[in-house]
Amino acid sequence: MRAFKEAAGPARYDPWERADAWRYTGTFSRFNRFKGSLPGLGTATVAFAGYCVYEHFFMEDEHHGEAHH
């Protein structure tokens, strides 16, 4: 049981910890890696929403009340 407790204790020294630290900080953080993945999505979303509002309020429905064949 004593050997099991010692093995399950705190993590041992990782010699590569300092070498891998740059991957998760600064410009390589998770947020910065995915920040530019969809560069035009914001502009396209605003343009589409603007068109939908324009279509709803300003364009007339030409087929309203007519029988469809």
PDB file of N, CA and C in Angstrom:
ATOM      1  N   MET A   1       0.821  -1.181   0.000  1.00  0.00           N
ATOM      2  CA  MET A   1       0.000   0.000   0.000  1.00  0.00           C
ATOM      3  C   MET A   1       0.869   1.250   0.000  1.00  0.00           C
ATOM      4  N   ARG A   2       1.994   1.178   0.688  1.00  0.00           N
ATOM      5  CA  ARG A   2       2.896   2.327   0.773  1.00  0.00           C
ATOM      6  C   ARG A   2       3.473   2.658  -0.601  1.00  0.00           C
ATOM      7  N   ALA A   3       3.835   1.651  -1.351  1.00  0.00           N
ATOM      8  CA  ALA A   3       4.375   1.870  -2.693  1.00  0.00           C
ATOM      9  C   ALA A   3       3.312   2.478  -3.604  1.00  0.00           C
ATOM     10  N   PHE A   4       2.083   2.075  -3.441  1.00  0.00           N
ATOM     11  CA  PHE A   4       0.999   2.629  -4.239  1.00  0.00           C
ATOM     12  C   PHE A   4       0.790   4.104  -3.926  1.00  0.00           C
ATOM     13  N   LYS A   5       0.822   4.469  -2.643  1.00  0.00           N
ATOM     14  CA  LYS A   5       0.659   5.868  -2.256  1.00  0.00           C
ATOM     15  C   LYS A   5       1.802   6.726  -2.786  1.00  0.00           C
ATOM     16  N   GLU A   6       2.999   6.219  -2.757  1.00  0.00           N
ATOM     17  CA  GLU A   6       4.148   6.976  -3.271  1.00  0.00           C
ATOM     18  C   GLU A   6       4.043   7.160  -4.784  1.00  0.00           C
ATOM     19  N   ALA A   7       3.576   6.129  -5.474  1.00  0.00           N
ATOM     20  CA  ALA A   7       3.440   6.217  -6.931  1.00  0.00           C
ATOM     21  C   ALA A   7       2.322   7.164  -7.335  1.00  0.00           C
ATOM     22  N   ALA A   8       1.279   7.271  -6.509  1.00  0.00           N
ATOM     23  CA  ALA A   8       0.138   8.123  -6.826  1.00  0.00           C
ATOM     24  C   ALA A   8       0.325   9.550  -6.316  1.00  0.00           C
ATOM     25  N   GLY A   9       1.459   9.868  -5.765  1.00  0.00           N
ATOM     26  CA  GLY A   9       1.714  11.196  -5.205  1.00  0.00           C
ATOM     27  C   GLY A   9       1.844  12.256  -6.288  1.00  0.00           C
ATOM     28  N   PRO A  10       2.435  13.369  -5.943  1.00  0.00           N
ATOM     29  CA  PRO A  10       2.583  14.455  -6.912  1.00  0.00           C
ATOM     30  C   PRO A  10       3.418  14.025  -8.114  1.00  0.00           C
ATOM     31  N   ALA A  11       3.184  14.711  -9.226  1.00  0.00           N
ATOM     32  CA  ALA A  11       3.890  14.348 -10.458  1.00  0.00           C
ATOM     33  C   ALA A  11       5.384  14.551 -10.303  1.00  0.00           C
ATOM     34  N   ARG A  12       6.114  13.713 -10.965  1.00  0.00           N
ATOM     35  CA  ARG A  12       7.568  13.825 -10.916  1.00  0.00           C
ATOM     36  C   ARG A  12       8.029  14.921 -11.848  1.00  0.00           C
ATOM     37  N   TYR A  13       9.285  15.253 -11.760  1.00  0.00           N
ATOM     38  CA  TYR A  13       9.863  16.305 -12.589  1.00  0.00           C
ATOM     39  C   TYR A  13       9.807  15.921 -14.062  1.00  0.00           C
ATOM     40  N   ASP A  14       9.301  16.838 -14.891  1.00  0.00           N
ATOM     41  CA  ASP A  14       9.240  16.629 -16.334  1.00  0.00           C
ATOM     42  C   ASP A  14      10.352  17.443 -16.987  1.00  0.00           C
ATOM     43  N   PRO A  15      11.365  16.801 -17.544  1.00  0.00           N
ATOM     44  CA  PRO A  15      12.475  17.551 -18.124  1.00  0.00           C
ATOM     45  C   PRO A  15      12.079  18.362 -19.360  1.00  0.00           C
ATOM     46  N   TRP A  16      10.978  18.020 -20.011  1.00  0.00           N
ATOM     47  CA  TRP A  16      10.563  18.741 -21.218  1.00  0.00           C
ATOM     48  C   TRP A  16       9.538  19.828 -20.943  1.00  0.00           C
ATOM     49  N   GLU A  17       9.178  20.014 -19.674  1.00  0.00           N
ATOM     50  CA  GLU A  17       8.151  20.991 -19.333  1.00  0.00           C
ATOM     51  C   GLU A  17       8.526  22.398 -19.787  1.00  0.00           C
ATOM     52  N   ARG A  18       9.742  22.792 -19.544  1.00  0.00           N
ATOM     53  CA  ARG A  18      10.177  24.131 -19.933  1.00  0.00           C
ATOM     54  C   ARG A  18      10.267  24.272 -21.447  1.00  0.00           C
ATOM     55  N   ALA A  19      10.640  23.211 -22.132  1.00  0.00           N
ATOM     56  CA  ALA A  19      10.757  23.267 -23.585  1.00  0.00           C
ATOM     57  C   ALA A  19       9.386  23.323 -24.263  1.00  0.00           C
ATOM     58  N   ASP A  20       8.360  22.766 -23.657  1.00  0.00           N
ATOM     59  CA  ASP A  20       7.020  22.770 -24.237  1.00  0.00           C
ATOM     60  C   ASP A  20       6.167  23.936 -23.773  1.00  0.00           C
ATOM     61  N   ALA A  21       6.635  24.745 -22.844  1.00  0.00           N
ATOM     62  CA  ALA A  21       5.827  25.829 -22.287  1.00  0.00           C
ATOM     63  C   ALA A  21       5.455  26.857 -23.344  1.00  0.00           C
ATOM     64  N   TRP A  22       6.299  27.108 -24.333  1.00  0.00           N
ATOM     65  CA  TRP A  22       6.011  28.119 -25.355  1.00  0.00           C
ATOM     66  C   TRP A  22       4.780  27.768 -26.183  1.00  0.00           C
ATOM     67  N   ARG A  23       4.416  26.496 -26.241  1.00  0.00           N
ATOM     68  CA  ARG A  23       3.286  26.085 -27.070  1.00  0.00           C
ATOM     69  C   ARG A  23       1.945  26.563 -26.519  1.00  0.00           C
ATOM     70  N   TYR A  24       1.872  26.895 -25.260  1.00  0.00           N
ATOM     71  CA  TYR A  24       0.599  27.198 -24.618  1.00  0.00           C
ATOM     72  C   TYR A  24       0.527  28.625 -24.083  1.00  0.00           C
ATOM     73  N   THR A  25       1.464  29.492 -24.439  1.00  0.00           N
ATOM     74  CA  THR A  25       1.474  30.863 -23.940  1.00  0.00           C
ATOM     75  C   THR A  25       1.630  31.843 -25.093  1.00  0.00           C
ATOM     76  N   GLY A  26       1.292  33.087 -24.846  1.00  0.00           N
ATOM     77  CA  GLY A  26       1.514  34.155 -25.805  1.00  0.00           C
ATOM     78  C   GLY A  26       0.743  33.977 -27.094  1.00  0.00           C
ATOM     79  N   THR A  27       1.431  34.107 -28.214  1.00  0.00           N
ATOM     80  CA  THR A  27       0.777  34.023 -29.515  1.00  0.00           C
ATOM     81  C   THR A  27       0.302  32.614 -29.834  1.00  0.00           C
ATOM     82  N   PHE A  28       0.741  31.631 -29.111  1.00  0.00           N
ATOM     83  CA  PHE A  28       0.346  30.244 -29.362  1.00  0.00           C
ATOM     84  C   PHE A  28      -0.700  29.743 -28.379  1.00  0.00           C
ATOM     85  N   SER A  29      -1.341  30.637 -27.629  1.00  0.00           N
ATOM     86  CA  SER A  29      -2.376  30.206 -26.705  1.00  0.00           C
ATOM     87  C   SER A  29      -3.584  29.697 -27.498  1.00  0.00           C
ATOM     88  N   ARG A  30      -4.472  29.006 -26.852  1.00  0.00           N
ATOM     89  CA  ARG A  30      -5.618  28.399 -27.531  1.00  0.00           C
ATOM     90  C   ARG A  30      -6.477  29.462 -28.220  1.00  0.00           C
ATOM     91  N   PHE A  31      -6.722  30.596 -27.542  1.00  0.00           N
ATOM     92  CA  PHE A  31      -7.523  31.660 -28.131  1.00  0.00           C
ATOM     93  C   PHE A  31      -6.846  32.230 -29.377  1.00  0.00           C
ATOM     94  N   ASN A  32      -5.570  32.490 -29.310  1.00  0.00           N
ATOM     95  CA  ASN A  32      -4.866  33.092 -30.444  1.00  0.00           C
ATOM     96  C   ASN A  32      -4.722  32.137 -31.620  1.00  0.00           C
ATOM     97  N   ARG A  33      -4.695  30.851 -31.367  1.00  0.00           N
ATOM     98  CA  ARG A  33      -4.594  29.901 -32.478  1.00  0.00           C
ATOM     99  C   ARG A  33      -5.858  29.868 -33.317  1.00  0.00           C
ATOM    100  N   PHE A  34      -7.030  30.033 -32.700  1.00  0.00           N
ATOM    101  CA  PHE A  34      -8.291  29.932 -33.421  1.00  0.00           C
ATOM    102  C   PHE A  34      -8.920  31.278 -33.743  1.00  0.00           C
ATOM    103  N   LYS A  35      -8.271  32.365 -33.331  1.00  0.00           N
ATOM    104  CA  LYS A  35      -8.837  33.695 -33.516  1.00  0.00           C
ATOM    105  C   LYS A  35      -9.038  34.035 -34.989  1.00  0.00           C
ATOM    106  N   GLY A  36      -8.117  33.704 -35.837  1.00  0.00           N
ATOM    107  CA  GLY A  36      -8.223  34.060 -37.240  1.00  0.00           C
ATOM    108  C   GLY A  36      -8.665  32.931 -38.142  1.00  0.00           C
ATOM    109  N   SER A  37      -9.301  31.924 -37.605  1.00  0.00           N
ATOM    110  CA  SER A  37      -9.655  30.763 -38.427  1.00  0.00           C
ATOM    111  C   SER A  37     -10.797  31.055 -39.401  1.00  0.00           C
ATOM    112  N   LEU A  38     -11.700  31.966 -39.065  1.00  0.00           N
ATOM    113  CA  LEU A  38     -12.807  32.337 -39.952  1.00  0.00           C
ATOM    114  C   LEU A  38     -12.800  33.860 -40.123  1.00  0.00           C
ATOM    115  N   PRO A  39     -11.946  34.398 -40.977  1.00  0.00           N
ATOM    116  CA  PRO A  39     -11.727  35.845 -41.011  1.00  0.00           C
ATOM    117  C   PRO A  39     -12.906  36.671 -41.503  1.00  0.00           C
ATOM    118  N   GLY A  40     -13.746  36.192 -42.393  1.00  0.00           N
ATOM    119  CA  GLY A  40     -14.832  36.996 -42.922  1.00  0.00           C
ATOM    120  C   GLY A  40     -16.186  36.694 -42.337  1.00  0.00           C
ATOM    121  N   LEU A  41     -16.251  35.855 -41.331  1.00  0.00           N
ATOM    122  CA  LEU A  41     -17.536  35.432 -40.785  1.00  0.00           C
ATOM    123  C   LEU A  41     -18.314  36.593 -40.171  1.00  0.00           C
ATOM    124  N   GLY A  42     -17.667  37.467 -39.443  1.00  0.00           N
ATOM    125  CA  GLY A  42     -18.348  38.590 -38.805  1.00  0.00           C
ATOM    126  C   GLY A  42     -18.942  39.545 -39.829  1.00  0.00           C
ATOM    127  N   THR A  43     -18.171  39.896 -40.850  1.00  0.00           N
ATOM    128  CA  THR A  43     -18.651  40.803 -41.896  1.00  0.00           C
ATOM    129  C   THR A  43     -19.796  40.167 -42.669  1.00  0.00           C
ATOM    130  N   ALA A  44     -19.674  38.907 -43.001  1.00  0.00           N
ATOM    131  CA  ALA A  44     -20.723  38.223 -43.751  1.00  0.00           C
ATOM    132  C   ALA A  44     -22.004  38.113 -42.937  1.00  0.00           C
ATOM    133  N   THR A  45     -21.902  37.879 -41.658  1.00  0.00           N
ATOM    134  CA  THR A  45     -23.081  37.762 -40.805  1.00  0.00           C
ATOM    135  C   THR A  45     -23.829  39.091 -40.726  1.00  0.00           C
ATOM    136  N   VAL A  46     -23.092  40.197 -40.569  1.00  0.00           N
ATOM    137  CA  VAL A  46     -23.722  41.516 -40.510  1.00  0.00           C
ATOM    138  C   VAL A  46     -24.367  41.857 -41.844  1.00  0.00           C
ATOM    139  N   ALA A  47     -23.696  41.564 -42.954  1.00  0.00           N
ATOM    140  CA  ALA A  47     -24.258  41.850 -44.276  1.00  0.00           C
ATOM    141  C   ALA A  47     -25.524  41.031 -44.527  1.00  0.00           C
ATOM    142  N   PHE A  48     -25.525  39.773 -44.164  1.00  0.00           N
ATOM    143  CA  PHE A  48     -26.696  38.924 -44.358  1.00  0.00           C
ATOM    144  C   PHE A  48     -27.871  39.390 -43.498  1.00  0.00           C
ATOM    145  N   ALA A  49     -27.598  39.758 -42.250  1.00  0.00           N
ATOM    146  CA  ALA A  49     -28.660  40.243 -41.374  1.00  0.00           C
ATOM    147  C   ALA A  49     -29.235  41.548 -41.918  1.00  0.00           C
ATOM    148  N   GLY A  50     -28.375  42.423 -42.427  1.00  0.00           N
ATOM    149  CA  GLY A  50     -28.849  43.670 -43.025  1.00  0.00           C
ATOM    150  C   GLY A  50     -29.723  43.417 -44.232  1.00  0.00           C
ATOM    151  N   TYR A  51     -29.349  42.489 -45.081  1.00  0.00           N
ATOM    152  CA  TYR A  51     -30.168  42.143 -46.244  1.00  0.00           C
ATOM    153  C   TYR A  51     -31.513  41.566 -45.822  1.00  0.00           C
ATOM    154  N   CYS A  52     -31.527  40.723 -44.822  1.00  0.00           N
ATOM    155  CA  CYS A  52     -32.792  40.135 -44.350  1.00  0.00           C
ATOM    156  C   CYS A  52     -33.731  41.215 -43.819  1.00  0.00           C
ATOM    157  N   VAL A  53     -33.192  42.192 -43.089  1.00  0.00           N
ATOM    158  CA  VAL A  53     -34.014  43.294 -42.585  1.00  0.00           C
ATOM    159  C   VAL A  53     -34.538  44.115 -43.748  1.00  0.00           C
ATOM    160  N   TYR A  54     -33.691  44.433 -44.727  1.00  0.00           N
ATOM    161  CA  TYR A  54     -34.110  45.191 -45.906  1.00  0.00           C
ATOM    162  C   TYR A  54     -35.214  44.453 -46.659  1.00  0.00           C
ATOM    163  N   GLU A  55     -35.039  43.170 -46.864  1.00  0.00           N
ATOM    164  CA  GLU A  55     -36.025  42.380 -47.598  1.00  0.00           C
ATOM    165  C   GLU A  55     -37.362  42.342 -46.866  1.00  0.00           C
ATOM    166  N   HIS A  56     -37.316  42.228 -45.564  1.00  0.00           N
ATOM    167  CA  HIS A  56     -38.541  42.129 -44.782  1.00  0.00           C
ATOM    168  C   HIS A  56     -39.340  43.436 -44.797  1.00  0.00           C
ATOM    169  N   PHE A  57     -38.674  44.582 -44.671  1.00  0.00           N
ATOM    170  CA  PHE A  57     -39.374  45.849 -44.524  1.00  0.00           C
ATOM    171  C   PHE A  57     -39.585  46.607 -45.834  1.00  0.00           C
ATOM    172  N   PHE A  58     -38.721  46.454 -46.813  1.00  0.00           N
ATOM    173  CA  PHE A  58     -38.769  47.323 -47.985  1.00  0.00           C
ATOM    174  C   PHE A  58     -39.139  46.647 -49.295  1.00  0.00           C
ATOM    175  N   MET A  59     -39.047  45.365 -49.407  1.00  0.00           N
ATOM    176  CA  MET A  59     -39.396  44.688 -50.658  1.00  0.00           C
ATOM    177  C   MET A  59     -40.838  44.206 -50.591  1.00  0.00           C
ATOM    178  N   GLU A  60     -41.557  44.413 -51.678  1.00  0.00           N
ATOM    179  CA  GLU A  60     -42.956  44.015 -51.714  1.00  0.00           C
ATOM    180  C   GLU A  60     -43.091  42.576 -52.186  1.00  0.00           C
ATOM    181  N   ASP A  61     -44.070  41.915 -51.640  1.00  0.00           N
ATOM    182  CA  ASP A  61     -44.353  40.537 -52.051  1.00  0.00           C
ATOM    183  C   ASP A  61     -45.302  40.611 -53.249  1.00  0.00           C
ATOM    184  N   GLU A  62     -44.819  40.337 -54.438  1.00  0.00           N
ATOM    185  CA  GLU A  62     -45.593  40.502 -55.667  1.00  0.00           C
ATOM    186  C   GLU A  62     -46.666  39.428 -55.835  1.00  0.00           C
ATOM    187  N   HIS A  63     -46.529  38.299 -55.205  1.00  0.00           N
ATOM    188  CA  HIS A  63     -47.446  37.190 -55.404  1.00  0.00           C
ATOM    189  C   HIS A  63     -48.474  37.064 -54.277  1.00  0.00           C
ATOM    190  N   HIS A  64     -48.619  38.071 -53.477  1.00  0.00           N
ATOM    191  CA  HIS A  64     -49.531  37.993 -52.333  1.00  0.00           C
ATOM    192  C   HIS A  64     -50.986  38.002 -52.802  1.00  0.00           C
ATOM    193  N   GLY A  65     -51.752  36.986 -52.467  1.00  0.00           N
ATOM    194  CA  GLY A  65     -53.156  36.927 -52.792  1.00  0.00           C
ATOM    195  C   GLY A  65     -53.476  36.270 -54.133  1.00  0.00           C
ATOM    196  N   GLU A  66     -52.502  35.917 -54.891  1.00  0.00           N
ATOM    197  CA  GLU A  66     -52.755  35.289 -56.193  1.00  0.00           C
ATOM    198  C   GLU A  66     -52.803  33.766 -56.029  1.00  0.00           C
ATOM    199  N   ALA A  67     -53.586  33.153 -56.900  1.00  0.00           N
ATOM    200  CA  ALA A  67     -53.651  31.687 -56.880  1.00  0.00           C
ATOM    201  C   ALA A  67     -52.431  31.129 -57.598  1.00  0.00           C
ATOM    202  N   HIS A  68     -51.858  30.114 -57.032  1.00  0.00           N
ATOM    203  CA  HIS A  68     -50.684  29.477 -57.643  1.00  0.00           C
ATOM    204  C   HIS A  68     -51.137  28.323 -58.516  1.00  0.00           C
ATOM    205  N   HIS A  69     -50.471  28.122 -59.603  1.00  0.00           N
ATOM    206  CA  HIS A  69     -50.851  27.067 -60.550  1.00  0.00           C
ATOM    207  C   HIS A  69     -50.137  25.808 -60.232  1.00  0.00           C
TER     208      HIS A  69
END
